[in-house]
């Protein structure tokens, strides 16, 4: 019985990890990363139709930008 519960929670955590990666990093991160890349490269990167590797890179740039923005808000809010 205990093994069944452990397997259930592993499957549930795997589902939430997939959900986190696909929704937050791909959708929200891509939008923010696209804007950040366009601003810092003066419109040269990313192309209109990015490859899968470029799309992943843009998504991670966006996710990192969001985290840095939230950290900056937290630091400057406590002053």
Protein backbone atom coordinates (compact mmCIF):
# COMPACT_ATOMS: atom_id res chain seq x y z
CA UNK A 1 0.00 0.00 0.00
CA UNK A 2 2.83 2.37 0.86
CA UNK A 3 4.50 1.71 -2.50
CA UNK A 4 1.30 2.67 -4.27
CA UNK A 5 1.12 6.00 -2.43
CA UNK A 6 4.79 6.76 -3.17
CA UNK A 7 4.25 5.96 -6.86
CA UNK A 8 1.18 8.20 -6.91
CA UNK A 9 3.07 11.14 -5.43
CA UNK A 10 5.99 10.59 -7.82
CA UNK A 11 3.61 10.70 -10.77
CA UNK A 12 1.93 13.79 -9.37
CA UNK A 13 5.24 15.58 -8.85
CA UNK A 14 6.35 14.62 -12.35
CA UNK A 15 3.13 16.08 -13.73
CA UNK A 16 3.60 19.36 -11.86
CA UNK A 17 7.24 19.57 -12.98
CA UNK A 18 6.14 19.14 -16.60
CA UNK A 19 3.39 21.71 -16.11
CA UNK A 20 5.86 24.18 -14.60
CA UNK A 21 8.34 23.72 -17.42
CA UNK A 22 5.85 23.89 -20.22
CA UNK A 23 3.67 26.75 -19.01
CA UNK A 24 6.01 29.05 -17.16
CA UNK A 25 9.20 28.63 -19.10
CA UNK A 26 7.81 28.08 -22.58
CA UNK A 27 4.87 30.48 -22.72
CA UNK A 28 5.63 33.21 -20.22
CA UNK A 29 9.40 32.95 -20.58
CA UNK A 30 9.26 33.03 -24.37
CA UNK A 31 7.23 36.23 -24.45
CA UNK A 32 9.47 38.00 -21.97
CA UNK A 33 12.62 36.61 -23.58
CA UNK A 34 11.51 37.73 -27.03
CA UNK A 35 11.08 41.30 -25.78
CA UNK A 36 14.40 41.27 -23.88
CA UNK A 37 16.29 39.85 -26.87
CA UNK A 38 14.75 42.38 -29.28
CA UNK A 39 15.66 45.28 -26.98
CA UNK A 40 19.24 44.22 -26.22
CA UNK A 41 20.09 43.20 -29.80
CA UNK A 42 18.31 46.20 -31.34
CA UNK A 43 15.89 43.97 -33.25
CA UNK A 44 18.40 41.52 -34.77
CA UNK A 45 17.58 38.48 -32.63
CA UNK A 46 15.29 36.45 -32.55
CA UNK A 47 14.20 35.87 -36.13
CA UNK A 48 10.51 35.73 -37.02
CA UNK A 49 10.55 31.94 -37.24
CA UNK A 50 13.04 30.65 -34.64
CA UNK A 51 14.30 27.07 -34.58
CA UNK A 52 13.52 24.86 -31.62
CA UNK A 53 16.97 25.47 -30.12
CA UNK A 54 16.57 29.24 -30.45
CA UNK A 55 13.06 29.06 -28.99
CA UNK A 56 14.37 27.20 -25.94
CA UNK A 57 17.20 29.69 -25.53
CA UNK A 58 14.77 32.61 -25.74
CA UNK A 59 12.48 30.97 -23.17
CA UNK A 60 15.32 30.58 -20.69
CA UNK A 61 16.48 34.15 -21.25
CA UNK A 62 12.94 35.30 -20.45
CA UNK A 63 12.68 33.14 -17.34
CA UNK A 64 16.02 34.42 -16.05
CA UNK A 65 14.97 38.01 -16.81
CA UNK A 66 11.76 37.58 -14.83
CA UNK A 67 13.64 36.12 -11.85
CA UNK A 68 16.17 38.95 -11.92
CA UNK A 69 13.38 41.52 -12.12
CA UNK A 70 11.63 39.98 -9.11
CA UNK A 71 14.88 39.92 -7.16
CA UNK A 72 15.52 43.57 -7.98
CA UNK A 73 12.02 44.51 -6.84
CA UNK A 74 12.57 42.61 -3.60
CA UNK A 75 15.93 44.26 -2.92
CA UNK A 76 14.81 47.78 -3.68
CA UNK A 77 11.50 47.35 -1.87
CA UNK A 78 13.26 46.55 1.39
CA UNK A 79 15.33 49.75 1.36
